[in-house]
PDB file of N, CA and C in Angstrom:
ATOM      1  N   MET A   1     200.063 184.824 179.131  1.00  0.00           N
ATOM      2  CA  MET A   1     200.967 185.898 178.884  1.00  0.00           C
ATOM      3  C   MET A   1     201.818 185.525 177.681  1.00  0.00           C
ATOM      4  N   LYS A   2     201.920 186.426 176.725  1.00  0.00           N
ATOM      5  CA  LYS A   2     202.728 186.171 175.539  1.00  0.00           C
ATOM      6  C   LYS A   2     204.065 186.864 175.697  1.00  0.00           C
ATOM      7  N   LYS A   3     205.111 186.200 175.290  1.00  0.00           N
ATOM      8  CA  LYS A   3     206.454 186.763 175.340  1.00  0.00           C
ATOM      9  C   LYS A   3     207.089 186.626 173.970  1.00  0.00           C
ATOM     10  N   LEU A   4     207.817 187.643 173.570  1.00  0.00           N
ATOM     11  CA  LEU A   4     208.565 187.596 172.325  1.00  0.00           C
ATOM     12  C   LEU A   4     210.008 187.294 172.676  1.00  0.00           C
ATOM     13  N   ILE A   5     210.499 186.212 172.144  1.00  0.00           N
ATOM     14  CA  ILE A   5     211.880 185.815 172.396  1.00  0.00           C
ATOM     15  C   ILE A   5     212.632 185.916 171.081  1.00  0.00           C
ATOM     16  N   ALA A   6     213.673 186.734 171.062  1.00  0.00           N
ATOM     17  CA  ALA A   6     214.475 186.910 169.856  1.00  0.00           C
ATOM     18  C   ALA A   6     215.799 186.184 170.019  1.00  0.00           C
ATOM     19  N   ILE A   7     216.088 185.325 169.080  1.00  0.00           N
ATOM     20  CA  ILE A   7     217.354 184.596 169.066  1.00  0.00           C
ATOM     21  C   ILE A   7     217.973 184.869 167.700  1.00  0.00           C
ATOM     22  N   GLY A   8     218.894 185.812 167.672  1.00  0.00           N
ATOM     23  CA  GLY A   8     219.507 186.190 166.396  1.00  0.00           C
ATOM     24  C   GLY A   8     218.429 186.722 165.470  1.00  0.00           C
ATOM     25  N   ALA A   9     218.333 186.184 164.267  1.00  0.00           N
ATOM     26  CA  ALA A   9     217.350 186.613 163.284  1.00  0.00           C
ATOM     27  C   ALA A   9     216.019 185.891 163.463  1.00  0.00           C
ATOM     28  N   LEU A  10     215.979 184.911 164.377  1.00  0.00           N
ATOM     29  CA  LEU A  10     214.786 184.100 164.609  1.00  0.00           C
ATOM     30  C   LEU A  10     214.018 184.647 165.803  1.00  0.00           C
ATOM     31  N   ALA A  11     212.758 184.840 165.636  1.00  0.00           N
ATOM     32  CA  ALA A  11     211.927 185.312 166.741  1.00  0.00           C
ATOM     33  C   ALA A  11     210.817 184.298 166.985  1.00  0.00           C
ATOM     34  N   MET A  12     210.515 184.047 168.233  1.00  0.00           N
ATOM     35  CA  MET A  12     209.442 183.122 168.596  1.00  0.00           C
ATOM     36  C   MET A  12     208.498 183.836 169.554  1.00  0.00           C
ATOM     37  N   ILE A  13     207.242 183.498 169.446  1.00  0.00           N
ATOM     38  CA  ILE A  13     206.274 183.987 170.415  1.00  0.00           C
ATOM     39  C   ILE A  13     205.866 182.783 171.246  1.00  0.00           C
ATOM     40  N   THR A  14     205.984 182.928 172.539  1.00  0.00           N
ATOM     41  CA  THR A  14     205.565 181.849 173.424  1.00  0.00           C
ATOM     42  C   THR A  14     204.349 182.323 174.193  1.00  0.00           C
ATOM     43  N   ALA A  15     203.479 181.408 174.493  1.00  0.00           N
ATOM     44  CA  ALA A  15     202.287 181.736 175.265  1.00  0.00           C
ATOM     45  C   ALA A  15     202.178 180.749 176.412  1.00  0.00           C
ATOM     46  N   GLY A  16     201.687 181.209 177.516  1.00  0.00           N
ATOM     47  CA  GLY A  16     201.512 180.344 178.670  1.00  0.00           C
ATOM     48  C   GLY A  16     200.254 180.716 179.415  1.00  0.00           C
ATOM     49  N   CYS A  17     199.747 179.785 180.120  1.00  0.00           N
ATOM     50  CA  CYS A  17     198.564 180.010 180.932  1.00  0.00           C
ATOM     51  C   CYS A  17     199.022 180.117 182.373  1.00  0.00           C
ATOM     52  N   TYR A  18     198.721 181.209 182.999  1.00  0.00           N
ATOM     53  CA  TYR A  18     199.180 181.428 184.362  1.00  0.00           C
ATOM     54  C   TYR A  18     198.389 180.624 185.379  1.00  0.00           C
ATOM     55  N   ASN A  19     197.320 179.962 184.954  1.00  0.00           N
ATOM     56  CA  ASN A  19     196.451 179.262 185.893  1.00  0.00           C
ATOM     57  C   ASN A  19     196.495 177.743 185.698  1.00  0.00           C
ATOM     58  N   ASP A  20     197.552 177.236 185.075  1.00  0.00           N
ATOM     59  CA  ASP A  20     197.674 175.796 184.869  1.00  0.00           C
ATOM     60  C   ASP A  20     197.816 175.074 186.203  1.00  0.00           C
ATOM     61  N   LYS A  21     197.152 173.988 186.319  1.00  0.00           N
ATOM     62  CA  LYS A  21     197.245 173.127 187.497  1.00  0.00           C
ATOM     63  C   LYS A  21     197.717 171.774 187.008  1.00  0.00           C
ATOM     64  N   ALA A  22     198.913 171.382 187.381  1.00  0.00           N
ATOM     65  CA  ALA A  22     199.508 170.137 186.881  1.00  0.00           C
ATOM     66  C   ALA A  22     198.622 168.933 187.160  1.00  0.00           C
ATOM     67  N   ASP A  23     198.004 168.871 188.351  1.00  0.00           N
ATOM     68  CA  ASP A  23     197.184 167.710 188.682  1.00  0.00           C
ATOM     69  C   ASP A  23     195.923 167.636 187.821  1.00  0.00           C
ATOM     70  N   LYS A  24     195.450 168.767 187.311  1.00  0.00           N
ATOM     71  CA  LYS A  24     194.280 168.771 186.428  1.00  0.00           C
ATOM     72  C   LYS A  24     194.676 168.435 184.988  1.00  0.00           C
ATOM     73  N   LEU A  25     195.837 168.954 184.571  1.00  0.00           N
ATOM     74  CA  LEU A  25     196.303 168.707 183.213  1.00  0.00           C
ATOM     75  C   LEU A  25     196.862 167.306 183.039  1.00  0.00           C
ATOM     76  N   TYR A  26     197.524 166.807 184.068  1.00  0.00           N
ATOM     77  CA  TYR A  26     198.189 165.508 184.003  1.00  0.00           C
ATOM     78  C   TYR A  26     197.824 164.676 185.236  1.00  0.00           C
ATOM     79  N   PRO A  27     196.585 164.176 185.307  1.00  0.00           N
ATOM     80  CA  PRO A  27     196.194 163.405 186.490  1.00  0.00           C
ATOM     81  C   PRO A  27     197.000 162.112 186.591  1.00  0.00           C
ATOM     82  N   SER A  28     197.188 161.666 187.801  1.00  0.00           N
ATOM     83  CA  SER A  28     197.906 160.417 188.035  1.00  0.00           C
ATOM     84  C   SER A  28     197.152 159.264 187.400  1.00  0.00           C
ATOM     85  N   PRO A  29     197.876 158.256 186.911  1.00  0.00           N
ATOM     86  CA  PRO A  29     197.196 157.087 186.332  1.00  0.00           C
ATOM     87  C   PRO A  29     196.227 156.473 187.336  1.00  0.00           C
ATOM     88  N   GLY A  30     195.071 156.113 186.870  1.00  0.00           N
ATOM     89  CA  GLY A  30     194.068 155.500 187.737  1.00  0.00           C
ATOM     90  C   GLY A  30     193.175 156.498 188.440  1.00  0.00           C
ATOM     91  N   VAL A  31     193.496 157.789 188.365  1.00  0.00           N
ATOM     92  CA  VAL A  31     192.682 158.807 189.008  1.00  0.00           C
ATOM     93  C   VAL A  31     191.559 159.201 188.052  1.00  0.00           C
ATOM     94  N   VAL A  32     190.338 159.122 188.534  1.00  0.00           N
ATOM     95  CA  VAL A  32     189.179 159.473 187.729  1.00  0.00           C
ATOM     96  C   VAL A  32     188.813 160.923 188.028  1.00  0.00           C
ATOM     97  N   VAL A  33     188.732 161.718 186.992  1.00  0.00           N
ATOM     98  CA  VAL A  33     188.342 163.106 187.143  1.00  0.00           C
ATOM     99  C   VAL A  33     186.830 163.181 186.994  1.00  0.00           C
ATOM    100  N   CYS A  34     186.183 163.791 187.958  1.00  0.00           N
ATOM    101  CA  CYS A  34     184.726 163.894 187.957  1.00  0.00           C
ATOM    102  C   CYS A  34     184.309 165.205 187.305  1.00  0.00           C
ATOM    103  N   ASP A  35     183.680 165.114 186.155  1.00  0.00           N
ATOM    104  CA  ASP A  35     183.246 166.296 185.422  1.00  0.00           C
ATOM    105  C   ASP A  35     181.772 166.552 185.717  1.00  0.00           C
ATOM    106  N   THR A  36     181.490 167.643 186.408  1.00  0.00           N
ATOM    107  CA  THR A  36     180.107 167.997 186.723  1.00  0.00           C
ATOM    108  C   THR A  36     179.673 169.269 185.998  1.00  0.00           C
ATOM    109  N   THR A  37     180.415 169.651 184.966  1.00  0.00           N
ATOM    110  CA  THR A  37     180.063 170.887 184.264  1.00  0.00           C
ATOM    111  C   THR A  37     178.757 170.760 183.499  1.00  0.00           C
ATOM    112  N   THR A  38     178.504 169.617 182.897  1.00  0.00           N
ATOM    113  CA  THR A  38     177.264 169.398 182.152  1.00  0.00           C
ATOM    114  C   THR A  38     176.645 168.090 182.623  1.00  0.00           C
ATOM    115  N   VAL A  39     175.784 168.187 183.605  1.00  0.00           N
ATOM    116  CA  VAL A  39     175.118 167.006 184.152  1.00  0.00           C
ATOM    117  C   VAL A  39     173.687 166.987 183.635  1.00  0.00           C
ATOM    118  N   THR A  40     173.297 165.852 183.051  1.00  0.00           N
ATOM    119  CA  THR A  40     171.923 165.716 182.573  1.00  0.00           C
ATOM    120  C   THR A  40     171.287 164.478 183.208  1.00  0.00           C
ATOM    121  N   TYR A  41     169.967 164.501 183.249  1.00  0.00           N
ATOM    122  CA  TYR A  41     169.237 163.351 183.788  1.00  0.00           C
ATOM    123  C   TYR A  41     169.529 162.107 182.957  1.00  0.00           C
ATOM    124  N   THR A  42     169.401 162.225 181.643  1.00  0.00           N
ATOM    125  CA  THR A  42     169.529 161.069 180.757  1.00  0.00           C
ATOM    126  C   THR A  42     170.931 160.455 180.801  1.00  0.00           C
ATOM    127  N   ASN A  43     171.952 161.282 180.697  1.00  0.00           N
ATOM    128  CA  ASN A  43     173.320 160.763 180.599  1.00  0.00           C
ATOM    129  C   ASN A  43     173.970 160.434 181.928  1.00  0.00           C
ATOM    130  N   ASP A  44     173.615 161.150 182.986  1.00  0.00           N
ATOM    131  CA  ASP A  44     174.328 161.003 184.255  1.00  0.00           C
ATOM    132  C   ASP A  44     173.486 160.454 185.398  1.00  0.00           C
ATOM    133  N   ILE A  45     172.315 161.007 185.588  1.00  0.00           N
ATOM    134  CA  ILE A  45     171.507 160.683 186.773  1.00  0.00           C
ATOM    135  C   ILE A  45     170.737 159.374 186.623  1.00  0.00           C
ATOM    136  N   LYS A  46     170.073 159.202 185.498  1.00  0.00           N
ATOM    137  CA  LYS A  46     169.285 157.986 185.268  1.00  0.00           C
ATOM    138  C   LYS A  46     170.120 156.717 185.447  1.00  0.00           C
ATOM    139  N   PRO A  47     171.345 156.643 184.889  1.00  0.00           N
ATOM    140  CA  PRO A  47     172.153 155.429 185.090  1.00  0.00           C
ATOM    141  C   PRO A  47     172.528 155.176 186.556  1.00  0.00           C
ATOM    142  N   ILE A  48     172.777 156.233 187.322  1.00  0.00           N
ATOM    143  CA  ILE A  48     173.114 156.057 188.745  1.00  0.00           C
ATOM    144  C   ILE A  48     171.908 155.484 189.485  1.00  0.00           C
ATOM    145  N   PHE A  49     170.741 156.079 189.278  1.00  0.00           N
ATOM    146  CA  PHE A  49     169.535 155.613 189.967  1.00  0.00           C
ATOM    147  C   PHE A  49     169.149 154.205 189.516  1.00  0.00           C
ATOM    148  N   ALA A  50     169.347 153.902 188.237  1.00  0.00           N
ATOM    149  CA  ALA A  50     169.017 152.555 187.738  1.00  0.00           C
ATOM    150  C   ALA A  50     169.901 151.500 188.387  1.00  0.00           C
ATOM    151  N   ALA A  51     171.159 151.822 188.611  1.00  0.00           N
ATOM    152  CA  ALA A  51     172.103 150.857 189.181  1.00  0.00           C
ATOM    153  C   ALA A  51     172.049 150.780 190.698  1.00  0.00           C
ATOM    154  N   LYS A  52     171.700 151.879 191.358  1.00  0.00           N
ATOM    155  CA  LYS A  52     171.835 151.927 192.814  1.00  0.00           C
ATOM    156  C   LYS A  52     170.540 152.136 193.586  1.00  0.00           C
ATOM    157  N   CYS A  53     169.473 152.609 192.927  1.00  0.00           N
ATOM    158  CA  CYS A  53     168.279 152.999 193.682  1.00  0.00           C
ATOM    159  C   CYS A  53     166.989 152.297 193.259  1.00  0.00           C
ATOM    160  N   ASN A  54     166.733 152.232 191.956  1.00  0.00           N
ATOM    161  CA  ASN A  54     165.464 151.621 191.536  1.00  0.00           C
ATOM    162  C   ASN A  54     165.664 150.151 191.189  1.00  0.00           C
ATOM    163  N   THR A  55     166.432 149.487 192.017  1.00  0.00           N
ATOM    164  CA  THR A  55     166.676 148.054 191.869  1.00  0.00           C
ATOM    165  C   THR A  55     165.523 147.270 192.499  1.00  0.00           C
ATOM    166  N   PRO A  56     165.347 146.011 192.139  1.00  0.00           N
ATOM    167  CA  PRO A  56     164.234 145.227 192.685  1.00  0.00           C
ATOM    168  C   PRO A  56     164.193 145.247 194.220  1.00  0.00           C
ATOM    169  N   GLY A  57     163.035 145.590 194.747  1.00  0.00           N
ATOM    170  CA  GLY A  57     162.837 145.625 196.189  1.00  0.00           C
ATOM    171  C   GLY A  57     163.125 146.969 196.818  1.00  0.00           C
ATOM    172  N   CYS A  58     163.619 147.899 196.052  1.00  0.00           N
ATOM    173  CA  CYS A  58     163.920 149.232 196.612  1.00  0.00           C
ATOM    174  C   CYS A  58     162.951 150.265 196.029  1.00  0.00           C
ATOM    175  N   HIS A  59     163.456 151.215 195.277  1.00  0.00           N
ATOM    176  CA  HIS A  59     162.613 152.284 194.747  1.00  0.00           C
ATOM    177  C   HIS A  59     162.219 152.008 193.299  1.00  0.00           C
ATOM    178  N   ASP A  60     161.846 150.756 193.018  1.00  0.00           N
ATOM    179  CA  ASP A  60     161.379 150.383 191.683  1.00  0.00           C
ATOM    180  C   ASP A  60     159.853 150.449 191.651  1.00  0.00           C
ATOM    181  N   ALA A  61     159.283 150.247 190.483  1.00  0.00           N
ATOM    182  CA  ALA A  61     157.825 150.346 190.328  1.00  0.00           C
ATOM    183  C   ALA A  61     157.073 149.307 191.145  1.00  0.00           C
ATOM    184  N   GLY A  62     157.718 148.179 191.459  1.00  0.00           N
ATOM    185  CA  GLY A  62     157.054 147.129 192.223  1.00  0.00           C
ATOM    186  C   GLY A  62     157.069 147.371 193.724  1.00  0.00           C
ATOM    187  N   ALA A  63     158.191 147.804 194.251  1.00  0.00           N
ATOM    188  CA  ALA A  63     158.335 147.951 195.698  1.00  0.00           C
ATOM    189  C   ALA A  63     157.962 149.348 196.191  1.00  0.00           C
ATOM    190  N   ILE A  64     158.403 150.352 195.482  1.00  0.00           N
ATOM    191  CA  ILE A  64     158.181 151.751 195.856  1.00  0.00           C
ATOM    192  C   ILE A  64     158.501 151.985 197.333  1.00  0.00           C
ATOM    193  N   ALA A  65     159.700 151.599 197.739  1.00  0.00           N
ATOM    194  CA  ALA A  65     160.145 151.743 199.134  1.00  0.00           C
ATOM    195  C   ALA A  65     160.028 153.198 199.582  1.00  0.00           C
ATOM    196  N   GLY A  66     159.460 153.375 200.762  1.00  0.00           N
ATOM    197  CA  GLY A  66     159.292 154.707 201.317  1.00  0.00           C
ATOM    198  C   GLY A  66     158.331 155.579 200.533  1.00  0.00           C
ATOM    199  N   GLY A  67     157.616 154.978 199.589  1.00  0.00           N
ATOM    200  CA  GLY A  67     156.677 155.734 198.766  1.00  0.00           C
ATOM    201  C   GLY A  67     157.318 156.385 197.552  1.00  0.00           C
ATOM    202  N   TYR A  68     158.576 156.024 197.278  1.00  0.00           N
ATOM    203  CA  TYR A  68     159.299 156.647 196.159  1.00  0.00           C
ATOM    204  C   TYR A  68     159.572 155.648 195.048  1.00  0.00           C
ATOM    205  N   ASN A  69     159.160 156.026 193.844  1.00  0.00           N
ATOM    206  CA  ASN A  69     159.437 155.238 192.645  1.00  0.00           C
ATOM    207  C   ASN A  69     160.467 156.021 191.827  1.00  0.00           C
ATOM    208  N   PHE A  70     161.692 155.524 191.795  1.00  0.00           N
ATOM    209  CA  PHE A  70     162.768 156.231 191.114  1.00  0.00           C
ATOM    210  C   PHE A  70     163.032 155.705 189.712  1.00  0.00           C
ATOM    211  N   THR A  71     162.027 155.106 189.086  1.00  0.00           N
ATOM    212  CA  THR A  71     162.225 154.605 187.724  1.00  0.00           C
ATOM    213  C   THR A  71     162.021 155.703 186.682  1.00  0.00           C
ATOM    214  N   THR A  72     161.500 156.870 187.095  1.00  0.00           N
ATOM    215  CA  THR A  72     161.295 157.988 186.180  1.00  0.00           C
ATOM    216  C   THR A  72     161.841 159.276 186.790  1.00  0.00           C
ATOM    217  N   GLN A  73     162.113 160.235 185.947  1.00  0.00           N
ATOM    218  CA  GLN A  73     162.578 161.543 186.419  1.00  0.00           C
ATOM    219  C   GLN A  73     161.521 162.194 187.297  1.00  0.00           C
ATOM    220  N   ALA A  74     160.272 162.060 186.930  1.00  0.00           N
ATOM    221  CA  ALA A  74     159.185 162.655 187.716  1.00  0.00           C
ATOM    222  C   ALA A  74     159.133 162.053 189.118  1.00  0.00           C
ATOM    223  N   GLY A  75     159.415 160.769 189.238  1.00  0.00           N
ATOM    224  CA  GLY A  75     159.419 160.114 190.540  1.00  0.00           C
ATOM    225  C   GLY A  75     160.590 160.531 191.409  1.00  0.00           C
ATOM    226  N   ILE A  76     161.662 160.964 190.797  1.00  0.00           N
ATOM    227  CA  ILE A  76     162.857 161.397 191.533  1.00  0.00           C
ATOM    228  C   ILE A  76     162.791 162.884 191.856  1.00  0.00           C
ATOM    229  N   GLN A  77     162.141 163.663 191.018  1.00  0.00           N
ATOM    230  CA  GLN A  77     162.192 165.118 191.120  1.00  0.00           C
ATOM    231  C   GLN A  77     161.669 165.669 192.446  1.00  0.00           C
ATOM    232  N   VAL A  78     160.539 165.194 192.932  1.00  0.00           N
ATOM    233  CA  VAL A  78     159.954 165.746 194.161  1.00  0.00           C
ATOM    234  C   VAL A  78     160.886 165.552 195.363  1.00  0.00           C
ATOM    235  N   PRO A  79     161.346 164.334 195.651  1.00  0.00           N
ATOM    236  CA  PRO A  79     162.272 164.201 196.779  1.00  0.00           C
ATOM    237  C   PRO A  79     163.625 164.868 196.510  1.00  0.00           C
ATOM    238  N   ALA A  80     163.998 165.005 195.245  1.00  0.00           N
ATOM    239  CA  ALA A  80     165.254 165.689 194.924  1.00  0.00           C
ATOM    240  C   ALA A  80     165.154 167.164 195.290  1.00  0.00           C
ATOM    241  N   LEU A  81     164.089 167.811 194.843  1.00  0.00           N
ATOM    242  CA  LEU A  81     163.939 169.249 195.092  1.00  0.00           C
ATOM    243  C   LEU A  81     163.662 169.574 196.554  1.00  0.00           C
ATOM    244  N   SER A  82     163.173 168.600 197.314  1.00  0.00           N
ATOM    245  CA  SER A  82     162.926 168.826 198.745  1.00  0.00           C
ATOM    246  C   SER A  82     164.214 168.748 199.564  1.00  0.00           C
ATOM    247  N   GLY A  83     165.296 168.272 198.945  1.00  0.00           N
ATOM    248  CA  GLY A  83     166.561 168.113 199.667  1.00  0.00           C
ATOM    249  C   GLY A  83     166.742 166.725 200.246  1.00  0.00           C
ATOM    250  N   ARG A  84     165.718 165.909 200.160  1.00  0.00           N
ATOM    251  CA  ARG A  84     165.757 164.576 200.753  1.00  0.00           C
ATOM    252  C   ARG A  84     166.818 163.684 200.117  1.00  0.00           C
ATOM    253  N   ILE A  85     166.892 163.668 198.790  1.00  0.00           N
ATOM    254  CA  ILE A  85     167.843 162.772 198.123  1.00  0.00           C
ATOM    255  C   ILE A  85     169.278 163.156 198.456  1.00  0.00           C
ATOM    256  N   VAL A  86     169.601 164.442 198.383  1.00  0.00           N
ATOM    257  CA  VAL A  86     170.972 164.873 198.680  1.00  0.00           C
ATOM    258  C   VAL A  86     171.329 164.557 200.131  1.00  0.00           C
ATOM    259  N   GLY A  87     170.398 164.750 201.038  1.00  0.00           N
ATOM    260  CA  GLY A  87     170.650 164.410 202.444  1.00  0.00           C
ATOM    261  C   GLY A  87     170.898 162.921 202.635  1.00  0.00           C
ATOM    262  N   CYS A  88     170.094 162.090 201.968  1.00  0.00           N
ATOM    263  CA  CYS A  88     170.224 160.632 202.102  1.00  0.00           C
ATOM    264  C   CYS A  88     171.524 160.101 201.495  1.00  0.00           C
ATOM    265  N   ILE A  89     171.897 160.579 200.312  1.00  0.00           N
ATOM    266  CA  ILE A  89     173.105 160.043 199.666  1.00  0.00           C
ATOM    267  C   ILE A  89     174.384 160.563 200.308  1.00  0.00           C
ATOM    268  N   ASN A  90     174.278 161.675 201.051  1.00  0.00           N
ATOM    269  CA  ASN A  90     175.434 162.186 201.795  1.00  0.00           C
ATOM    270  C   ASN A  90     175.489 161.621 203.209  1.00  0.00           C
ATOM    271  N   TRP A  91     174.531 160.782 203.536  1.00  0.00           N
ATOM    272  CA  TRP A  91     174.418 160.178 204.857  1.00  0.00           C
ATOM    273  C   TRP A  91     174.404 161.258 205.946  1.00  0.00           C
ATOM    274  N   ALA A  92     173.681 162.338 205.666  1.00  0.00           N
ATOM    275  CA  ALA A  92     173.598 163.465 206.591  1.00  0.00           C
ATOM    276  C   ALA A  92     172.726 163.108 207.785  1.00  0.00           C
ATOM    277  N   SER A  93     173.013 163.751 208.891  1.00  0.00           N
ATOM    278  CA  SER A  93     172.250 163.550 210.118  1.00  0.00           C
ATOM    279  C   SER A  93     170.782 163.900 209.877  1.00  0.00           C
ATOM    280  N   GLY A  94     169.893 163.049 210.354  1.00  0.00           N
ATOM    281  CA  GLY A  94     168.465 163.271 210.187  1.00  0.00           C
ATOM    282  C   GLY A  94     167.882 162.648 208.930  1.00  0.00           C
ATOM    283  N   PHE A  95     168.737 162.027 208.104  1.00  0.00           N
ATOM    284  CA  PHE A  95     168.284 161.369 206.879  1.00  0.00           C
ATOM    285  C   PHE A  95     168.650 159.895 206.940  1.00  0.00           C
ATOM    286  N   SER A  96     167.877 159.078 206.255  1.00  0.00           N
ATOM    287  CA  SER A  96     168.174 157.653 206.151  1.00  0.00           C
ATOM    288  C   SER A  96     169.300 157.468 205.134  1.00  0.00           C
ATOM    289  N   ALA A  97     170.392 156.835 205.558  1.00  0.00           N
ATOM    290  CA  ALA A  97     171.551 156.633 204.681  1.00  0.00           C
ATOM    291  C   ALA A  97     171.180 155.740 203.499  1.00  0.00           C
ATOM    292  N   MET A  98     171.413 156.230 202.303  1.00  0.00           N
ATOM    293  CA  MET A  98     171.088 155.493 201.088  1.00  0.00           C
ATOM    294  C   MET A  98     172.330 155.367 200.213  1.00  0.00           C
ATOM    295  N   PRO A  99     172.427 154.308 199.448  1.00  0.00           N
ATOM    296  CA  PRO A  99     171.496 153.184 199.346  1.00  0.00           C
ATOM    297  C   PRO A  99     171.541 152.311 200.597  1.00  0.00           C
ATOM    298  N   LYS A 100     170.377 151.924 201.060  1.00  0.00           N
ATOM    299  CA  LYS A 100     170.242 151.172 202.309  1.00  0.00           C
ATOM    300  C   LYS A 100     170.959 149.827 202.219  1.00  0.00           C
ATOM    301  N   GLY A 101     171.807 149.578 203.218  1.00  0.00           N
ATOM    302  CA  GLY A 101     172.513 148.307 203.320  1.00  0.00           C
ATOM    303  C   GLY A 101     173.673 148.151 202.346  1.00  0.00           C
ATOM    304  N   LEU A 102     173.993 149.207 201.607  1.00  0.00           N
ATOM    305  CA  LEU A 102     175.089 149.155 200.641  1.00  0.00           C
ATOM    306  C   LEU A 102     176.096 150.260 200.965  1.00  0.00           C
ATOM    307  N   PRO A 103     177.276 150.198 200.359  1.00  0.00           N
ATOM    308  CA  PRO A 103     178.245 151.274 200.586  1.00  0.00           C
ATOM    309  C   PRO A 103     177.722 152.608 200.069  1.00  0.00           C
ATOM    310  N   LYS A 104     178.256 153.659 200.624  1.00  0.00           N
ATOM    311  CA  LYS A 104     177.916 155.005 200.187  1.00  0.00           C
ATOM    312  C   LYS A 104     178.264 155.155 198.701  1.00  0.00           C
ATOM    313  N   LEU A 105     177.490 155.948 197.976  1.00  0.00           N
ATOM    314  CA  LEU A 105     177.786 156.206 196.573  1.00  0.00           C
ATOM    315  C   LEU A 105     179.182 156.810 196.442  1.00  0.00           C
ATOM    316  N   GLN A 106     179.776 156.642 195.277  1.00  0.00           N
ATOM    317  CA  GLN A 106     181.071 157.268 195.022  1.00  0.00           C
ATOM    318  C   GLN A 106     180.884 158.783 195.047  1.00  0.00           C
ATOM    319  N   GLN A 107     181.923 159.488 195.473  1.00  0.00           N
ATOM    320  CA  GLN A 107     181.822 160.943 195.593  1.00  0.00           C
ATOM    321  C   GLN A 107     181.436 161.598 194.275  1.00  0.00           C
ATOM    322  N   CYS A 108     181.918 161.081 193.174  1.00  0.00           N
ATOM    323  CA  CYS A 108     181.562 161.644 191.869  1.00  0.00           C
ATOM    324  C   CYS A 108     180.061 161.494 191.609  1.00  0.00           C
ATOM    325  N   GLU A 109     179.488 160.365 191.976  1.00  0.00           N
ATOM    326  CA  GLU A 109     178.045 160.162 191.805  1.00  0.00           C
ATOM    327  C   GLU A 109     177.269 161.156 192.667  1.00  0.00           C
ATOM    328  N   ILE A 110     177.729 161.348 193.898  1.00  0.00           N
ATOM    329  CA  ILE A 110     177.089 162.309 194.804  1.00  0.00           C
ATOM    330  C   ILE A 110     177.193 163.715 194.225  1.00  0.00           C
ATOM    331  N   ASP A 111     178.368 164.064 193.718  1.00  0.00           N
ATOM    332  CA  ASP A 111     178.568 165.395 193.144  1.00  0.00           C
ATOM    333  C   ASP A 111     177.674 165.622 191.930  1.00  0.00           C
ATOM    334  N   LYS A 112     177.518 164.614 191.085  1.00  0.00           N
ATOM    335  CA  LYS A 112     176.663 164.752 189.907  1.00  0.00           C
ATOM    336  C   LYS A 112     175.196 164.901 190.299  1.00  0.00           C
ATOM    337  N   ILE A 113     174.742 164.092 191.242  1.00  0.00           N
ATOM    338  CA  ILE A 113     173.349 164.185 191.695  1.00  0.00           C
ATOM    339  C   ILE A 113     173.104 165.548 192.331  1.00  0.00           C
ATOM    340  N   THR A 114     174.018 165.995 193.169  1.00  0.00           N
ATOM    341  CA  THR A 114     173.883 167.294 193.831  1.00  0.00           C
ATOM    342  C   THR A 114     173.826 168.418 192.806  1.00  0.00           C
ATOM    343  N   ARG A 115     174.682 168.368 191.814  1.00  0.00           N
ATOM    344  CA  ARG A 115     174.696 169.391 190.757  1.00  0.00           C
ATOM    345  C   ARG A 115     173.370 169.391 190.001  1.00  0.00           C
ATOM    346  N   TRP A 116     172.882 168.201 189.654  1.00  0.00           N
ATOM    347  CA  TRP A 116     171.611 168.083 188.934  1.00  0.00           C
ATOM    348  C   TRP A 116     170.460 168.659 189.762  1.00  0.00           C
ATOM    349  N   VAL A 117     170.435 168.341 191.046  1.00  0.00           N
ATOM    350  CA  VAL A 117     169.387 168.854 191.935  1.00  0.00           C
ATOM    351  C   VAL A 117     169.485 170.370 192.004  1.00  0.00           C
ATOM    352  N   ASN A 118     170.698 170.895 192.177  1.00  0.00           N
ATOM    353  CA  ASN A 118     170.880 172.344 192.278  1.00  0.00           C
ATOM    354  C   ASN A 118     170.502 173.081 190.992  1.00  0.00           C
ATOM    355  N   GLN A 119     170.504 172.358 189.870  1.00  0.00           N
ATOM    356  CA  GLN A 119     170.093 172.944 188.590  1.00  0.00           C
ATOM    357  C   GLN A 119     168.587 172.792 188.353  1.00  0.00           C
ATOM    358  N   GLY A 120     167.867 172.246 189.323  1.00  0.00           N
ATOM    359  CA  GLY A 120     166.413 172.139 189.215  1.00  0.00           C
ATOM    360  C   GLY A 120     165.896 170.747 188.937  1.00  0.00           C
ATOM    361  N   ALA A 121     166.757 169.736 188.940  1.00  0.00           N
ATOM    362  CA  ALA A 121     166.359 168.330 188.724  1.00  0.00           C
ATOM    363  C   ALA A 121     165.535 168.171 187.448  1.00  0.00           C
ATOM    364  N   LEU A 122     166.045 168.754 186.378  1.00  0.00           N
ATOM    365  CA  LEU A 122     165.319 168.780 185.113  1.00  0.00           C
ATOM    366  C   LEU A 122     165.362 167.457 184.367  1.00  0.00           C
ATOM    367  N   ASN A 123     164.388 167.257 183.502  1.00  0.00           N
ATOM    368  CA  ASN A 123     164.332 166.047 182.671  1.00  0.00           C
ATOM    369  C   ASN A 123     165.025 166.355 181.344  1.00  0.00           C
ATOM    370  N   ASN A 124     166.363 166.315 181.371  1.00  0.00           N
ATOM    371  CA  ASN A 124     167.125 166.657 180.166  1.00  0.00           C
ATOM    372  C   ASN A 124     168.064 165.547 179.784  1.00  0.00           C
TER     373      ASN A 124
END
């Protein structure tokens, strides 16, 4: 909303956004904001899977745990589109909690993977 404020011979136009959220504009120190607006396989998903899933003895080319090789986008895409990956990383009932024997992924990692899957698990 724009307002004209006149002070004597001086006039100012002020503008404001009615939808400002202080916590979004000025996050507390140490708070990480998770941006899922543009999630890509190359920039976001591949690094998560490389660090947490396709490690030696798990879903790497050598072990292929559970029959899944997560070293490539093609190897991740089928279980991603079936809903299996999102169920496993959310530790949902009826799914094997992943990563096995490790803490649950950070919520931002889960949100990025979920967003990527919902966008079709593309190789971008």
